[in-house]
Amino acid sequence: MNTHMNKAMMMTAALALAVGLAGCGKKDAPPAEDSATADPAAATPAAPMAAPAATAGAAAIDPAKPNACAKLTDVKLAATIDKATNMLKVSGTANAPTGGFVTGLQAGPLDKMNPPNQVVLLRANAPGGMATQAITPVTLSLDIPNALPAYKSVRVACPGSPDVELKVG
């Protein structure tokens, strides 16, 4: 009788352990972000974000490809706070050396200064195949939700080029 009880207790313990472990690999869905962009990190400007497309309907930046932002010329950007939508808006234009460039701006970290500086990364993917051999204007824009009341500046960074500091107006 003792052997039967031991087997029954061992089977009960094994079943309880199996049931307990069954939910261990399950991941809950991440909480929905309160964001105006398709980017999941947009609600926190201090966190890096995936680059949105430069214009509506354009292809998205591929982070696996090298950043060709240093090839863009005549980059003109401005930064403003839209008080009606509580957005920090960075927008402007640049010239790509050929057609087929995919460009965008990506929110970077927000420093701890008072008022803070917002870093924005300039991203560009060069075309992979044949492209029109003509200087091609591109539009750049980024909306960062939950804007602060004031910024010291917006610093636009592109590896291989000096940073550009924009006054927020």
C-alpha atoms as a PDB file:
ATOM      1  CA  MET A   1       0.000   0.000   0.000  1.00  0.00           C
ATOM      2  CA  ASN A   2       2.887   2.323   0.760  1.00  0.00           C
ATOM      3  CA  THR A   3       4.245   1.853  -2.795  1.00  0.00           C
ATOM      4  CA  HIS A   4       0.874   2.833  -4.304  1.00  0.00           C
ATOM      5  CA  MET A   5       0.742   6.007  -2.200  1.00  0.00           C
ATOM      6  CA  ASN A   6       4.281   6.962  -3.179  1.00  0.00           C
ATOM      7  CA  LYS A   7       3.474   6.438  -6.878  1.00  0.00           C
ATOM      8  CA  ALA A   8       0.247   8.425  -6.545  1.00  0.00           C
ATOM      9  CA  MET A   9       2.025  11.291  -4.757  1.00  0.00           C
ATOM     10  CA  MET A  10       4.849  11.298  -7.307  1.00  0.00           C
ATOM     11  CA  MET A  11       2.350  11.350 -10.191  1.00  0.00           C
ATOM     12  CA  THR A  12       0.385  14.168  -8.532  1.00  0.00           C
ATOM     13  CA  ALA A  13       3.582  16.157  -7.973  1.00  0.00           C
ATOM     14  CA  ALA A  14       4.705  15.564 -11.589  1.00  0.00           C
ATOM     15  CA  LEU A  15       1.298  16.635 -12.899  1.00  0.00           C
ATOM     16  CA  ALA A  16       1.336  19.796 -10.741  1.00  0.00           C
ATOM     17  CA  LEU A  17       4.851  20.591 -11.946  1.00  0.00           C
ATOM     18  CA  ALA A  18       3.868  20.045 -15.601  1.00  0.00           C
ATOM     19  CA  VAL A  19       0.808  22.280 -15.247  1.00  0.00           C
ATOM     20  CA  GLY A  20       2.887  24.947 -13.489  1.00  0.00           C
ATOM     21  CA  LEU A  21       5.585  24.885 -16.163  1.00  0.00           C
ATOM     22  CA  ALA A  22       3.131  24.926 -19.047  1.00  0.00           C
ATOM     23  CA  GLY A  23       2.621  28.698 -18.728  1.00  0.00           C
ATOM     24  CA  CYS A  24       6.294  29.586 -18.191  1.00  0.00           C
ATOM     25  CA  GLY A  25       7.162  30.122 -21.865  1.00  0.00           C
ATOM     26  CA  LYS A  26       4.059  32.202 -22.507  1.00  0.00           C
ATOM     27  CA  LYS A  27       4.641  35.916 -23.072  1.00  0.00           C
ATOM     28  CA  ASP A  28       1.962  38.491 -22.572  1.00  0.00           C
ATOM     29  CA  ALA A  29       1.321  40.896 -25.412  1.00  0.00           C
ATOM     30  CA  PRO A  30       3.187  44.178 -24.871  1.00  0.00           C
ATOM     31  CA  PRO A  31       1.020  47.087 -23.760  1.00  0.00           C
ATOM     32  CA  ALA A  32      -0.317  49.334 -26.485  1.00  0.00           C
ATOM     33  CA  GLU A  33       1.725  52.507 -26.874  1.00  0.00           C
ATOM     34  CA  ASP A  34       0.135  55.917 -26.666  1.00  0.00           C
ATOM     35  CA  SER A  35       1.819  57.182 -29.812  1.00  0.00           C
ATOM     36  CA  ALA A  36       0.921  59.114 -32.919  1.00  0.00           C
ATOM     37  CA  THR A  37       3.485  57.304 -35.075  1.00  0.00           C
ATOM     38  CA  ALA A  38       3.875  53.690 -36.103  1.00  0.00           C
ATOM     39  CA  ASP A  39       7.018  53.536 -33.982  1.00  0.00           C
ATOM     40  CA  PRO A  40       6.598  51.618 -30.702  1.00  0.00           C
ATOM     41  CA  ALA A  41       9.182  53.737 -28.853  1.00  0.00           C
ATOM     42  CA  ALA A  42       7.821  57.108 -29.970  1.00  0.00           C
ATOM     43  CA  ALA A  43       6.111  57.782 -26.639  1.00  0.00           C
ATOM     44  CA  THR A  44       9.528  58.081 -24.954  1.00  0.00           C
ATOM     45  CA  PRO A  45      11.795  60.430 -26.885  1.00  0.00           C
ATOM     46  CA  ALA A  46      14.792  59.395 -24.757  1.00  0.00           C
ATOM     47  CA  ALA A  47      14.724  55.920 -26.281  1.00  0.00           C
ATOM     48  CA  PRO A  48      15.984  55.229 -29.796  1.00  0.00           C
ATOM     49  CA  MET A  49      13.272  54.821 -32.356  1.00  0.00           C
ATOM     50  CA  ALA A  50      12.909  53.026 -35.646  1.00  0.00           C
ATOM     51  CA  ALA A  51      13.074  55.446 -38.516  1.00  0.00           C
ATOM     52  CA  PRO A  52       9.779  56.395 -40.102  1.00  0.00           C
ATOM     53  CA  ALA A  53       9.577  56.758 -43.849  1.00  0.00           C
ATOM     54  CA  ALA A  54      10.630  60.177 -45.124  1.00  0.00           C
ATOM     55  CA  THR A  55       7.433  60.699 -47.084  1.00  0.00           C
ATOM     56  CA  ALA A  56       4.039  59.045 -47.156  1.00  0.00           C
ATOM     57  CA  GLY A  57       4.121  55.793 -49.089  1.00  0.00           C
ATOM     58  CA  ALA A  58       7.939  55.693 -49.137  1.00  0.00           C
ATOM     59  CA  ALA A  59       9.907  52.595 -48.180  1.00  0.00           C
ATOM     60  CA  ALA A  60      11.146  52.356 -44.597  1.00  0.00           C
ATOM     61  CA  ILE A  61      14.800  52.687 -43.613  1.00  0.00           C
ATOM     62  CA  ASP A  62      16.533  49.301 -43.416  1.00  0.00           C
ATOM     63  CA  PRO A  63      18.768  49.399 -40.301  1.00  0.00           C
ATOM     64  CA  ALA A  64      20.754  46.420 -41.648  1.00  0.00           C
ATOM     65  CA  LYS A  65      22.036  48.527 -44.569  1.00  0.00           C
ATOM     66  CA  PRO A  66      24.868  51.037 -44.102  1.00  0.00           C
ATOM     67  CA  ASN A  67      23.803  54.571 -43.230  1.00  0.00           C
ATOM     68  CA  ALA A  68      24.546  56.692 -46.320  1.00  0.00           C
ATOM     69  CA  CYS A  69      23.428  59.977 -44.744  1.00  0.00           C
ATOM     70  CA  ALA A  70      26.872  61.518 -45.349  1.00  0.00           C
ATOM     71  CA  LYS A  71      26.129  61.371 -49.107  1.00  0.00           C
ATOM     72  CA  LEU A  72      23.166  63.753 -48.719  1.00  0.00           C
ATOM     73  CA  THR A  73      23.925  67.383 -49.549  1.00  0.00           C
ATOM     74  CA  ASP A  74      22.265  70.727 -48.917  1.00  0.00           C
ATOM     75  CA  VAL A  75      20.471  69.420 -45.812  1.00  0.00           C
ATOM     76  CA  LYS A  76      18.088  72.107 -44.508  1.00  0.00           C
ATOM     77  CA  LEU A  77      16.101  71.339 -41.361  1.00  0.00           C
ATOM     78  CA  ALA A  78      13.984  73.260 -38.847  1.00  0.00           C
ATOM     79  CA  ALA A  79      12.565  72.273 -35.456  1.00  0.00           C
ATOM     80  CA  THR A  80       9.346  73.595 -33.922  1.00  0.00           C
ATOM     81  CA  ILE A  81       6.963  72.674 -31.121  1.00  0.00           C
ATOM     82  CA  ASP A  82       3.353  72.334 -32.248  1.00  0.00           C
ATOM     83  CA  LYS A  83       1.492  73.333 -29.087  1.00  0.00           C
ATOM     84  CA  ALA A  84      -1.879  72.208 -30.516  1.00  0.00           C
ATOM     85  CA  THR A  85      -0.737  68.585 -30.942  1.00  0.00           C
ATOM     86  CA  ASN A  86       2.062  68.652 -28.313  1.00  0.00           C
ATOM     87  CA  MET A  87       4.598  67.454 -30.924  1.00  0.00           C
ATOM     88  CA  LEU A  88       8.211  68.348 -31.527  1.00  0.00           C
ATOM     89  CA  LYS A  89       8.382  68.605 -35.314  1.00  0.00           C
ATOM     90  CA  VAL A  90      11.626  68.362 -37.258  1.00  0.00           C
ATOM     91  CA  SER A  91      11.308  68.787 -41.018  1.00  0.00           C
ATOM     92  CA  GLY A  92      13.188  69.905 -44.070  1.00  0.00           C
ATOM     93  CA  THR A  93      14.822  68.816 -47.305  1.00  0.00           C
ATOM     94  CA  ALA A  94      18.090  67.420 -48.634  1.00  0.00           C
ATOM     95  CA  ASN A  95      19.553  66.386 -51.979  1.00  0.00           C
ATOM     96  CA  ALA A  96      20.439  62.752 -52.679  1.00  0.00           C
ATOM     97  CA  PRO A  97      23.209  62.084 -55.233  1.00  0.00           C
ATOM     98  CA  THR A  98      20.978  59.670 -57.183  1.00  0.00           C
ATOM     99  CA  GLY A  99      17.376  58.565 -57.306  1.00  0.00           C
ATOM    100  CA  GLY A 100      16.289  55.644 -55.147  1.00  0.00           C
ATOM    101  CA  PHE A 101      17.623  56.882 -51.792  1.00  0.00           C
ATOM    102  CA  VAL A 102      15.382  56.075 -48.822  1.00  0.00           C
ATOM    103  CA  THR A 103      15.748  58.758 -46.158  1.00  0.00           C
ATOM    104  CA  GLY A 104      14.348  59.485 -42.752  1.00  0.00           C
ATOM    105  CA  LEU A 105      14.823  61.059 -39.365  1.00  0.00           C
ATOM    106  CA  GLN A 106      14.871  58.991 -36.192  1.00  0.00           C
ATOM    107  CA  ALA A 107      14.472  60.266 -32.623  1.00  0.00           C
ATOM    108  CA  GLY A 108      17.515  59.614 -30.493  1.00  0.00           C
ATOM    109  CA  PRO A 109      18.167  60.222 -26.807  1.00  0.00           C
ATOM    110  CA  LEU A 110      17.094  63.245 -24.816  1.00  0.00           C
ATOM    111  CA  ASP A 111      19.865  64.522 -22.526  1.00  0.00           C
ATOM    112  CA  LYS A 112      19.455  65.602 -18.897  1.00  0.00           C
ATOM    113  CA  MET A 113      20.214  69.316 -19.427  1.00  0.00           C
ATOM    114  CA  ASN A 114      17.706  71.956 -18.358  1.00  0.00           C
ATOM    115  CA  PRO A 115      16.280  72.664 -20.909  1.00  0.00           C
ATOM    116  CA  PRO A 116      17.247  69.405 -22.644  1.00  0.00           C
ATOM    117  CA  ASN A 117      18.777  68.745 -26.059  1.00  0.00           C
ATOM    118  CA  GLN A 118      16.949  66.265 -28.312  1.00  0.00           C
ATOM    119  CA  VAL A 119      19.151  64.154 -30.581  1.00  0.00           C
ATOM    120  CA  VAL A 120      17.733  63.261 -34.005  1.00  0.00           C
ATOM    121  CA  LEU A 121      19.510  60.786 -36.270  1.00  0.00           C
ATOM    122  CA  LEU A 122      19.618  61.383 -40.020  1.00  0.00           C
ATOM    123  CA  ARG A 123      19.296  58.038 -41.835  1.00  0.00           C
ATOM    124  CA  ALA A 124      19.642  57.190 -45.525  1.00  0.00           C
ATOM    125  CA  ASN A 125      19.808  53.935 -47.486  1.00  0.00           C
ATOM    126  CA  ALA A 126      21.479  54.162 -50.890  1.00  0.00           C
ATOM    127  CA  PRO A 127      19.772  52.303 -53.747  1.00  0.00           C
ATOM    128  CA  GLY A 128      20.918  48.718 -54.203  1.00  0.00           C
ATOM    129  CA  GLY A 129      20.671  48.509 -57.976  1.00  0.00           C
ATOM    130  CA  MET A 130      20.466  50.847 -60.901  1.00  0.00           C
ATOM    131  CA  ALA A 131      19.331  54.380 -60.100  1.00  0.00           C
ATOM    132  CA  THR A 132      18.677  57.636 -61.892  1.00  0.00           C
ATOM    133  CA  GLN A 133      21.976  59.508 -62.109  1.00  0.00           C
ATOM    134  CA  ALA A 134      20.634  62.907 -61.103  1.00  0.00           C
ATOM    135  CA  ILE A 135      20.592  64.904 -57.895  1.00  0.00           C
ATOM    136  CA  THR A 136      17.239  64.105 -56.353  1.00  0.00           C
ATOM    137  CA  PRO A 137      15.513  66.233 -53.689  1.00  0.00           C
ATOM    138  CA  VAL A 138      14.160  64.323 -50.681  1.00  0.00           C
ATOM    139  CA  THR A 139      11.807  65.421 -47.914  1.00  0.00           C
ATOM    140  CA  LEU A 140      12.631  64.731 -44.281  1.00  0.00           C
ATOM    141  CA  SER A 141      10.199  64.893 -41.363  1.00  0.00           C
ATOM    142  CA  LEU A 142       9.796  63.550 -37.859  1.00  0.00           C
ATOM    143  CA  ASP A 143       7.092  64.151 -35.263  1.00  0.00           C
ATOM    144  CA  ILE A 144       8.044  63.336 -31.669  1.00  0.00           C
ATOM    145  CA  PRO A 145       4.950  63.133 -29.431  1.00  0.00           C
ATOM    146  CA  ASN A 146       4.752  64.420 -25.859  1.00  0.00           C
ATOM    147  CA  ALA A 147       6.953  67.443 -26.507  1.00  0.00           C
ATOM    148  CA  LEU A 148       8.510  69.194 -23.538  1.00  0.00           C
ATOM    149  CA  PRO A 149       7.691  72.874 -22.992  1.00  0.00           C
ATOM    150  CA  ALA A 150      11.195  73.922 -24.135  1.00  0.00           C
ATOM    151  CA  TYR A 151      14.352  72.485 -25.688  1.00  0.00           C
ATOM    152  CA  LYS A 152      17.828  73.992 -25.693  1.00  0.00           C
ATOM    153  CA  SER A 153      18.300  72.571 -29.194  1.00  0.00           C
ATOM    154  CA  VAL A 154      17.746  69.658 -31.528  1.00  0.00           C
ATOM    155  CA  ARG A 155      21.048  68.092 -32.550  1.00  0.00           C
ATOM    156  CA  VAL A 156      20.931  66.246 -35.888  1.00  0.00           C
ATOM    157  CA  ALA A 157      23.571  63.513 -36.077  1.00  0.00           C
ATOM    158  CA  CYS A 158      24.918  61.661 -39.112  1.00  0.00           C
ATOM    159  CA  PRO A 159      27.946  59.367 -38.767  1.00  0.00           C
ATOM    160  CA  GLY A 160      30.875  60.757 -40.745  1.00  0.00           C
ATOM    161  CA  SER A 161      29.512  64.327 -40.759  1.00  0.00           C
ATOM    162  CA  PRO A 162      29.548  67.096 -38.160  1.00  0.00           C
ATOM    163  CA  ASP A 163      26.379  67.366 -36.056  1.00  0.00           C
ATOM    164  CA  VAL A 164      23.978  70.175 -36.935  1.00  0.00           C
ATOM    165  CA  GLU A 165      22.389  72.049 -34.029  1.00  0.00           C
ATOM    166  CA  LEU A 166      18.895  73.458 -34.607  1.00  0.00           C
ATOM    167  CA  LYS A 167      17.250  76.073 -32.432  1.00  0.00           C
ATOM    168  CA  VAL A 168      13.673  75.128 -31.611  1.00  0.00           C
ATOM    169  CA  GLY A 169      11.345  77.871 -32.826  1.00  0.00           C
END
